[in-house]
Amino acid sequence: MQFGAYGLSTLGLGLLVIFALEHPGAMFFGGIPAWVIAAIYVGIDVLQYLGDRAYEPLTLELLVIAVGLIGARQCGLLDNLQFIPQVLGKGARSTSPAKGGAKRRKGSGPTVVAGPWGQPAHDPLEQAELDMLLDKISEGGVDSLNALERKRLDELSRKMRGS
């Protein structure tokens, strides 16, 4: 059997493997886990290529999968698979303290930066009033506001800024 042209099926299989390793619990046809489907497809291809003694497409397929896994790791996927190398480069971040990154403790959850946006300092009614005044300014300019509206705009903007 002649294997002269390689199509999107090899790339599709590589993407299936990446998806299955990123989401191993994802269920496919009839509740079959994604990793089982990927393993079956790769296994069938490997057996077919070995049976046909087609070592070039077998090598190509395995290289596409390997390069895809390394590329996915570079993009931030597959972080739970430490055996896949992550080459530090333009897209990767160093987590060593010497490079300026902070090491995370094992088992620590995601960190959230606290800020003033946690609790709104104003109520939705005041926000709506401010939006209405700003819409009026965008339509007719600042001169379209009367003295009372200008005073209210100043009060609301000071309150929203927290000063």
N, C-alpha and C. Protein backbone atom coordinates (compact mmCIF):
# COMPACT_ATOMS: atom_id res chain seq x y z
N MET A 1 0.84 -1.17 0.00
CA MET A 1 0.00 0.00 0.00
C MET A 1 0.89 1.23 0.00
N GLN A 2 0.54 2.20 -0.83
CA GLN A 2 1.35 3.41 -0.97
C GLN A 2 0.79 4.54 -0.12
N PHE A 3 1.65 5.21 0.65
CA PHE A 3 1.25 6.35 1.48
C PHE A 3 2.02 7.57 1.00
N GLY A 4 1.54 8.21 -0.04
CA GLY A 4 2.25 9.35 -0.59
C GLY A 4 1.73 10.68 -0.08
N ALA A 5 0.49 10.74 0.30
CA ALA A 5 -0.09 12.01 0.73
C ALA A 5 -0.63 11.88 2.15
N TYR A 6 -0.34 12.89 2.94
CA TYR A 6 -0.83 12.90 4.32
C TYR A 6 -1.84 14.03 4.43
N GLY A 7 -2.98 13.73 4.96
CA GLY A 7 -4.03 14.73 5.01
C GLY A 7 -4.23 15.28 6.40
N LEU A 8 -5.39 15.83 6.59
CA LEU A 8 -5.74 16.43 7.87
C LEU A 8 -6.03 15.38 8.94
N SER A 9 -6.14 14.14 8.54
CA SER A 9 -6.45 13.11 9.53
C SER A 9 -5.34 12.98 10.58
N THR A 10 -4.11 13.16 10.16
CA THR A 10 -2.99 13.10 11.11
C THR A 10 -3.07 14.26 12.09
N LEU A 11 -3.35 15.45 11.58
CA LEU A 11 -3.49 16.61 12.47
C LEU A 11 -4.71 16.47 13.37
N GLY A 12 -5.79 15.96 12.81
CA GLY A 12 -7.00 15.74 13.60
C GLY A 12 -6.76 14.76 14.73
N LEU A 13 -6.00 13.71 14.44
CA LEU A 13 -5.68 12.73 15.48
C LEU A 13 -4.81 13.37 16.56
N GLY A 14 -3.87 14.22 16.15
CA GLY A 14 -3.04 14.93 17.13
C GLY A 14 -3.88 15.82 18.03
N LEU A 15 -4.85 16.53 17.44
CA LEU A 15 -5.73 17.38 18.24
C LEU A 15 -6.62 16.56 19.17
N LEU A 16 -7.06 15.39 18.70
CA LEU A 16 -7.87 14.52 19.55
C LEU A 16 -7.06 14.06 20.76
N VAL A 17 -5.79 13.73 20.55
CA VAL A 17 -4.93 13.30 21.67
C VAL A 17 -4.74 14.45 22.65
N ILE A 18 -4.49 15.65 22.13
CA ILE A 18 -4.32 16.81 23.01
C ILE A 18 -5.59 17.06 23.82
N PHE A 19 -6.74 17.02 23.15
CA PHE A 19 -8.01 17.24 23.85
C PHE A 19 -8.22 16.16 24.91
N ALA A 20 -7.94 14.92 24.56
CA ALA A 20 -8.17 13.82 25.50
C ALA A 20 -7.26 13.92 26.72
N LEU A 21 -6.04 14.40 26.53
CA LEU A 21 -5.14 14.54 27.67
C LEU A 21 -5.47 15.78 28.50
N GLU A 22 -6.00 16.82 27.87
CA GLU A 22 -6.38 18.01 28.61
C GLU A 22 -7.68 17.78 29.39
N HIS A 23 -8.61 17.03 28.81
CA HIS A 23 -9.92 16.75 29.43
C HIS A 23 -10.15 15.25 29.47
N PRO A 24 -9.43 14.51 30.30
CA PRO A 24 -9.56 13.04 30.28
C PRO A 24 -10.93 12.55 30.71
N GLY A 25 -11.67 13.33 31.47
CA GLY A 25 -12.98 12.90 31.93
C GLY A 25 -14.10 13.23 30.96
N ALA A 26 -13.80 13.91 29.86
CA ALA A 26 -14.84 14.25 28.89
C ALA A 26 -15.39 12.96 28.29
N MET A 27 -16.70 12.92 28.18
CA MET A 27 -17.35 11.71 27.68
C MET A 27 -17.73 11.87 26.21
N PHE A 28 -17.47 10.83 25.44
CA PHE A 28 -17.86 10.78 24.04
C PHE A 28 -18.97 9.77 23.88
N PHE A 29 -19.08 9.20 22.76
CA PHE A 29 -20.13 8.28 22.34
C PHE A 29 -20.53 7.31 23.44
N GLY A 30 -21.74 7.47 23.94
CA GLY A 30 -22.27 6.52 24.90
C GLY A 30 -21.54 6.47 26.22
N GLY A 31 -20.93 7.56 26.63
CA GLY A 31 -20.27 7.60 27.93
C GLY A 31 -18.85 7.06 27.93
N ILE A 32 -18.23 6.95 26.76
CA ILE A 32 -16.84 6.49 26.69
C ILE A 32 -15.93 7.69 26.91
N PRO A 33 -14.96 7.59 27.84
CA PRO A 33 -14.07 8.73 28.10
C PRO A 33 -13.24 9.08 26.86
N ALA A 34 -12.88 10.35 26.76
CA ALA A 34 -12.13 10.86 25.61
C ALA A 34 -10.78 10.16 25.46
N TRP A 35 -10.13 9.87 26.57
CA TRP A 35 -8.81 9.26 26.48
C TRP A 35 -8.90 7.84 25.90
N VAL A 36 -10.01 7.15 26.13
CA VAL A 36 -10.17 5.80 25.57
C VAL A 36 -10.35 5.90 24.05
N ILE A 37 -11.16 6.85 23.59
CA ILE A 37 -11.36 7.04 22.15
C ILE A 37 -10.03 7.38 21.48
N ALA A 38 -9.26 8.30 22.08
CA ALA A 38 -7.97 8.69 21.50
C ALA A 38 -7.02 7.50 21.47
N ALA A 39 -6.99 6.73 22.54
CA ALA A 39 -6.10 5.57 22.58
C ALA A 39 -6.48 4.53 21.52
N ILE A 40 -7.77 4.34 21.31
CA ILE A 40 -8.23 3.38 20.30
C ILE A 40 -7.83 3.85 18.90
N TYR A 41 -8.07 5.13 18.60
CA TYR A 41 -7.71 5.64 17.28
C TYR A 41 -6.20 5.56 17.04
N VAL A 42 -5.41 5.97 18.00
CA VAL A 42 -3.95 5.89 17.84
C VAL A 42 -3.51 4.43 17.72
N GLY A 43 -4.07 3.56 18.54
CA GLY A 43 -3.72 2.14 18.48
C GLY A 43 -4.04 1.51 17.13
N ILE A 44 -5.22 1.83 16.59
CA ILE A 44 -5.60 1.30 15.28
C ILE A 44 -4.65 1.80 14.20
N ASP A 45 -4.32 3.09 14.23
CA ASP A 45 -3.38 3.62 13.23
C ASP A 45 -2.02 2.98 13.35
N VAL A 46 -1.51 2.85 14.56
CA VAL A 46 -0.20 2.25 14.75
C VAL A 46 -0.19 0.81 14.23
N LEU A 47 -1.21 0.04 14.58
CA LEU A 47 -1.28 -1.35 14.11
C LEU A 47 -1.39 -1.42 12.58
N GLN A 48 -2.17 -0.51 12.00
CA GLN A 48 -2.31 -0.50 10.55
C GLN A 48 -0.98 -0.17 9.87
N TYR A 49 -0.30 0.86 10.36
CA TYR A 49 0.99 1.22 9.76
C TYR A 49 2.03 0.13 9.95
N LEU A 50 2.06 -0.48 11.12
CA LEU A 50 3.02 -1.56 11.35
C LEU A 50 2.69 -2.77 10.46
N GLY A 51 1.41 -3.09 10.32
CA GLY A 51 1.02 -4.21 9.47
C GLY A 51 1.36 -3.97 8.01
N ASP A 52 1.28 -2.74 7.55
CA ASP A 52 1.62 -2.41 6.17
C ASP A 52 3.10 -2.10 6.00
N ARG A 53 3.83 -2.16 7.08
CA ARG A 53 5.26 -1.78 7.10
C ARG A 53 5.47 -0.38 6.53
N ALA A 54 4.57 0.49 6.91
CA ALA A 54 4.62 1.89 6.48
C ALA A 54 5.20 2.70 7.63
N TYR A 55 6.51 2.72 7.71
CA TYR A 55 7.17 3.34 8.85
C TYR A 55 7.23 4.86 8.74
N GLU A 56 7.24 5.39 7.51
CA GLU A 56 7.26 6.85 7.36
C GLU A 56 5.99 7.51 7.90
N PRO A 57 4.79 7.07 7.49
CA PRO A 57 3.61 7.72 8.06
C PRO A 57 3.45 7.46 9.55
N LEU A 58 3.92 6.31 10.04
CA LEU A 58 3.88 6.03 11.48
C LEU A 58 4.75 7.02 12.23
N THR A 59 5.97 7.23 11.71
CA THR A 59 6.88 8.20 12.33
C THR A 59 6.29 9.60 12.28
N LEU A 60 5.70 9.95 11.14
CA LEU A 60 5.10 11.27 11.00
C LEU A 60 3.97 11.46 12.01
N GLU A 61 3.11 10.47 12.12
CA GLU A 61 1.98 10.59 13.05
C GLU A 61 2.45 10.73 14.49
N LEU A 62 3.42 9.93 14.89
CA LEU A 62 3.93 10.02 16.26
C LEU A 62 4.64 11.35 16.50
N LEU A 63 5.35 11.85 15.49
CA LEU A 63 5.99 13.16 15.63
C LEU A 63 4.96 14.28 15.71
N VAL A 64 3.89 14.20 14.93
CA VAL A 64 2.83 15.22 14.99
C VAL A 64 2.22 15.23 16.38
N ILE A 65 1.98 14.06 16.94
CA ILE A 65 1.41 13.99 18.29
C ILE A 65 2.38 14.57 19.31
N ALA A 66 3.66 14.21 19.21
CA ALA A 66 4.66 14.70 20.17
C ALA A 66 4.83 16.21 20.07
N VAL A 67 4.95 16.73 18.86
CA VAL A 67 5.11 18.18 18.68
C VAL A 67 3.85 18.91 19.13
N GLY A 68 2.69 18.33 18.86
CA GLY A 68 1.45 18.93 19.30
C GLY A 68 1.35 19.00 20.81
N LEU A 69 1.79 17.94 21.50
CA LEU A 69 1.77 17.93 22.96
C LEU A 69 2.71 18.98 23.54
N ILE A 70 3.90 19.07 22.96
CA ILE A 70 4.86 20.08 23.45
C ILE A 70 4.33 21.49 23.16
N GLY A 71 3.74 21.69 21.98
CA GLY A 71 3.16 22.99 21.64
C GLY A 71 2.00 23.35 22.55
N ALA A 72 1.17 22.37 22.85
CA ALA A 72 0.04 22.63 23.76
C ALA A 72 0.54 22.99 25.15
N ARG A 73 1.59 22.34 25.59
CA ARG A 73 2.17 22.64 26.91
C ARG A 73 2.74 24.05 26.92
N GLN A 74 3.34 24.47 25.81
CA GLN A 74 3.87 25.83 25.71
C GLN A 74 2.76 26.87 25.80
N CYS A 75 1.58 26.53 25.30
CA CYS A 75 0.46 27.48 25.29
C CYS A 75 -0.33 27.48 26.58
N GLY A 76 0.11 26.70 27.56
CA GLY A 76 -0.56 26.71 28.85
C GLY A 76 -1.51 25.54 29.07
N LEU A 77 -1.63 24.66 28.11
CA LEU A 77 -2.46 23.47 28.28
C LEU A 77 -1.62 22.35 28.87
N LEU A 78 -2.25 21.32 29.29
CA LEU A 78 -1.59 20.09 29.77
C LEU A 78 -0.64 20.36 30.94
N ASP A 79 -0.99 21.31 31.81
CA ASP A 79 -0.14 21.60 32.96
C ASP A 79 -0.06 20.45 33.95
N ASN A 80 -1.05 19.57 33.93
CA ASN A 80 -1.04 18.44 34.86
C ASN A 80 -0.12 17.32 34.41
N LEU A 81 0.40 17.38 33.20
CA LEU A 81 1.30 16.35 32.68
C LEU A 81 2.74 16.87 32.72
N GLN A 82 3.40 16.62 33.82
CA GLN A 82 4.75 17.17 34.02
C GLN A 82 5.81 16.48 33.17
N PHE A 83 5.52 15.30 32.63
CA PHE A 83 6.52 14.59 31.82
C PHE A 83 6.67 15.21 30.43
N ILE A 84 5.74 16.04 30.02
CA ILE A 84 5.86 16.73 28.74
C ILE A 84 6.73 17.96 28.96
N PRO A 85 7.84 18.08 28.22
CA PRO A 85 8.75 19.20 28.46
C PRO A 85 8.11 20.53 28.11
N GLN A 86 8.46 21.54 28.90
CA GLN A 86 8.03 22.90 28.62
C GLN A 86 9.28 23.73 28.41
N VAL A 87 9.48 24.12 27.18
CA VAL A 87 10.66 24.88 26.81
C VAL A 87 10.37 26.34 27.10
N LEU A 88 11.23 26.98 27.90
CA LEU A 88 11.02 28.39 28.20
C LEU A 88 11.37 29.21 26.98
N GLY A 89 10.51 30.08 26.62
CA GLY A 89 10.74 30.92 25.45
C GLY A 89 9.85 32.12 25.50
N LYS A 90 9.49 32.60 24.33
CA LYS A 90 8.69 33.81 24.23
C LYS A 90 7.32 33.66 24.87
N GLY A 91 6.65 32.53 24.68
CA GLY A 91 5.31 32.35 25.19
C GLY A 91 5.24 31.83 26.60
N ALA A 92 6.33 31.28 27.12
CA ALA A 92 6.31 30.65 28.44
C ALA A 92 6.77 31.62 29.50
N ARG A 93 6.34 31.38 30.72
CA ARG A 93 6.73 32.22 31.84
C ARG A 93 7.57 31.41 32.80
N SER A 94 8.58 32.01 33.32
CA SER A 94 9.40 31.36 34.33
C SER A 94 8.77 31.57 35.70
N THR A 95 8.77 30.54 36.53
CA THR A 95 8.21 30.68 37.87
C THR A 95 9.29 30.67 38.94
N SER A 96 10.55 30.79 38.52
CA SER A 96 11.60 30.79 39.52
C SER A 96 11.68 32.17 40.18
N PRO A 97 11.93 32.20 41.50
CA PRO A 97 12.00 33.49 42.19
C PRO A 97 13.13 34.37 41.67
N ALA A 98 14.21 33.77 41.17
CA ALA A 98 15.33 34.55 40.68
C ALA A 98 14.94 35.34 39.43
N LYS A 99 13.99 34.84 38.67
CA LYS A 99 13.56 35.51 37.44
C LYS A 99 12.43 36.50 37.70
N GLY A 100 11.97 36.63 38.93
CA GLY A 100 10.94 37.59 39.24
C GLY A 100 9.57 36.97 39.41
N GLY A 101 9.45 35.68 39.14
CA GLY A 101 8.16 35.02 39.30
C GLY A 101 7.99 34.53 40.73
N ALA A 102 6.81 34.30 41.15
CA ALA A 102 6.56 33.81 42.50
C ALA A 102 6.22 32.33 42.43
N LYS A 103 6.88 31.54 43.27
CA LYS A 103 6.57 30.11 43.31
C LYS A 103 5.30 29.91 44.10
N ARG A 104 4.43 29.06 43.57
CA ARG A 104 3.20 28.75 44.27
C ARG A 104 3.42 27.52 45.12
N ARG A 105 2.82 27.54 46.29
CA ARG A 105 2.91 26.38 47.16
C ARG A 105 2.04 25.27 46.63
N LYS A 106 2.49 24.05 46.84
CA LYS A 106 1.73 22.91 46.39
C LYS A 106 0.42 22.85 47.16
N GLY A 107 -0.66 22.64 46.41
CA GLY A 107 -1.96 22.52 47.04
C GLY A 107 -2.65 23.86 47.27
N SER A 108 -1.96 24.95 46.97
CA SER A 108 -2.62 26.25 47.17
C SER A 108 -3.57 26.49 46.01
N GLY A 109 -4.68 27.10 46.31
CA GLY A 109 -5.69 27.37 45.30
C GLY A 109 -5.32 28.59 44.48
N PRO A 110 -6.21 28.98 43.60
CA PRO A 110 -5.94 30.16 42.79
C PRO A 110 -5.90 31.41 43.67
N THR A 111 -5.05 32.32 43.31
CA THR A 111 -4.94 33.55 44.08
C THR A 111 -5.75 34.64 43.40
N VAL A 112 -6.44 35.40 44.20
CA VAL A 112 -7.26 36.49 43.70
C VAL A 112 -6.77 37.77 44.35
N VAL A 113 -6.57 38.78 43.54
CA VAL A 113 -6.11 40.05 44.05
C VAL A 113 -7.32 40.81 44.56
N ALA A 114 -7.27 41.23 45.81
CA ALA A 114 -8.37 41.99 46.39
C ALA A 114 -8.25 43.45 45.96
N GLY A 115 -9.35 44.07 45.75
CA GLY A 115 -9.32 45.45 45.33
C GLY A 115 -10.63 46.15 45.66
N PRO A 116 -10.73 47.39 45.29
CA PRO A 116 -11.93 48.15 45.61
C PRO A 116 -13.16 47.69 44.83
N TRP A 117 -12.94 46.86 43.80
CA TRP A 117 -14.06 46.44 42.98
C TRP A 117 -14.87 45.32 43.62
N GLY A 118 -14.43 44.78 44.75
CA GLY A 118 -15.14 43.70 45.41
C GLY A 118 -16.53 44.10 45.85
N GLN A 119 -16.65 45.22 46.53
CA GLN A 119 -17.94 45.72 46.99
C GLN A 119 -18.20 47.06 46.31
N PRO A 120 -19.27 47.18 45.58
CA PRO A 120 -19.53 48.47 44.92
C PRO A 120 -19.82 49.55 45.95
N ALA A 121 -19.23 50.72 45.74
CA ALA A 121 -19.40 51.83 46.67
C ALA A 121 -20.64 52.64 46.32
N HIS A 122 -21.38 52.22 45.32
CA HIS A 122 -22.55 52.96 44.88
C HIS A 122 -23.67 51.98 44.57
N ASP A 123 -24.84 52.52 44.50
CA ASP A 123 -25.97 51.64 44.18
C ASP A 123 -26.29 51.74 42.68
N PRO A 124 -27.00 50.76 42.18
CA PRO A 124 -27.29 50.72 40.74
C PRO A 124 -28.11 51.92 40.26
N LEU A 125 -28.91 52.50 41.15
CA LEU A 125 -29.71 53.66 40.76
C LEU A 125 -28.81 54.86 40.46
N GLU A 126 -27.79 55.05 41.31
CA GLU A 126 -26.84 56.15 41.07
C GLU A 126 -26.04 55.90 39.80
N GLN A 127 -25.67 54.64 39.56
CA GLN A 127 -24.94 54.30 38.33
C GLN A 127 -25.79 54.62 37.11
N ALA A 128 -27.08 54.30 37.17
CA ALA A 128 -27.97 54.59 36.05
C ALA A 128 -28.10 56.09 35.82
N GLU A 129 -28.16 56.85 36.94
CA GLU A 129 -28.26 58.31 36.83
C GLU A 129 -26.99 58.89 36.20
N LEU A 130 -25.85 58.38 36.61
CA LEU A 130 -24.59 58.84 36.03
C LEU A 130 -24.51 58.48 34.55
N ASP A 131 -24.93 57.28 34.20
CA ASP A 131 -24.93 56.88 32.79
C ASP A 131 -25.82 57.79 31.95
N MET A 132 -26.98 58.16 32.51
CA MET A 132 -27.90 59.04 31.79
C MET A 132 -27.24 60.41 31.56
N LEU A 133 -26.57 60.93 32.58
CA LEU A 133 -25.91 62.23 32.43
C LEU A 133 -24.77 62.14 31.41
N LEU A 134 -24.03 61.08 31.45
CA LEU A 134 -22.93 60.91 30.50
C LEU A 134 -23.45 60.74 29.07
N ASP A 135 -24.57 60.06 28.91
CA ASP A 135 -25.17 59.93 27.59
C ASP A 135 -25.60 61.29 27.06
N LYS A 136 -26.14 62.12 27.94
CA LYS A 136 -26.57 63.45 27.54
C LYS A 136 -25.36 64.29 27.11
N ILE A 137 -24.23 64.12 27.83
CA ILE A 137 -23.00 64.84 27.46
C ILE A 137 -22.50 64.36 26.10
N SER A 138 -22.55 63.03 25.86
CA SER A 138 -22.04 62.53 24.59
C SER A 138 -22.90 62.97 23.42
N GLU A 139 -24.18 63.19 23.65
CA GLU A 139 -25.07 63.63 22.58
C GLU A 139 -24.94 65.13 22.29
N GLY A 140 -24.90 65.96 23.37
CA GLY A 140 -24.94 67.40 23.15
C GLY A 140 -23.79 68.17 23.74
N GLY A 141 -22.82 67.50 24.32
CA GLY A 141 -21.70 68.19 24.93
C GLY A 141 -22.00 68.57 26.37
N VAL A 142 -20.99 69.07 27.08
CA VAL A 142 -21.14 69.43 28.48
C VAL A 142 -22.11 70.60 28.63
N ASP A 143 -22.17 71.45 27.62
CA ASP A 143 -23.04 72.62 27.70
C ASP A 143 -24.52 72.25 27.69
N SER A 144 -24.84 71.01 27.34
CA SER A 144 -26.24 70.59 27.31
C SER A 144 -26.78 70.32 28.72
N LEU A 145 -25.89 70.24 29.72
CA LEU A 145 -26.33 70.02 31.11
C LEU A 145 -26.69 71.37 31.75
N ASN A 146 -27.76 71.37 32.55
CA ASN A 146 -28.09 72.58 33.30
C ASN A 146 -27.28 72.58 34.60
N ALA A 147 -27.39 73.62 35.38
CA ALA A 147 -26.58 73.78 36.59
C ALA A 147 -26.82 72.65 37.59
N LEU A 148 -28.07 72.24 37.77
CA LEU A 148 -28.40 71.18 38.70
C LEU A 148 -27.81 69.84 38.25
N GLU A 149 -27.87 69.57 36.93
CA GLU A 149 -27.31 68.32 36.40
C GLU A 149 -25.79 68.31 36.52
N ARG A 150 -25.16 69.46 36.30
CA ARG A 150 -23.71 69.54 36.44
C ARG A 150 -23.28 69.27 37.88
N LYS A 151 -24.01 69.86 38.82
CA LYS A 151 -23.71 69.65 40.24
C LYS A 151 -23.86 68.18 40.60
N ARG A 152 -24.95 67.55 40.11
CA ARG A 152 -25.18 66.13 40.40
C ARG A 152 -24.10 65.26 39.76
N LEU A 153 -23.65 65.63 38.56
CA LEU A 153 -22.57 64.90 37.88
C LEU A 153 -21.29 64.96 38.71
N ASP A 154 -20.97 66.12 39.23
CA ASP A 154 -19.78 66.25 40.07
C ASP A 154 -19.90 65.41 41.34
N GLU A 155 -21.07 65.44 41.97
CA GLU A 155 -21.27 64.65 43.19
C GLU A 155 -21.12 63.15 42.91
N LEU A 156 -21.76 62.69 41.84
CA LEU A 156 -21.69 61.27 41.50
C LEU A 156 -20.29 60.81 41.13
N SER A 157 -19.61 61.65 40.37
CA SER A 157 -18.26 61.26 39.95
C SER A 157 -17.31 61.21 41.15
N ARG A 158 -17.46 62.17 42.09
CA ARG A 158 -16.64 62.11 43.32
C ARG A 158 -16.94 60.85 44.12
N LYS A 159 -18.22 60.55 44.22
CA LYS A 159 -18.63 59.36 45.00
C LYS A 159 -18.13 58.08 44.35
N MET A 160 -18.21 58.01 43.02
CA MET A 160 -17.78 56.80 42.33
C MET A 160 -16.26 56.59 42.45
N ARG A 161 -15.52 57.70 42.49
CA ARG A 161 -14.07 57.60 42.63
C ARG A 161 -13.66 57.34 44.07
N GLY A 162 -14.58 57.53 44.99
CA GLY A 162 -14.27 57.27 46.40
C GLY A 162 -13.57 58.41 47.08
N SER A 163 -13.63 59.62 46.50
CA SER A 163 -12.97 60.77 47.15
C SER A 163 -13.97 61.73 47.71
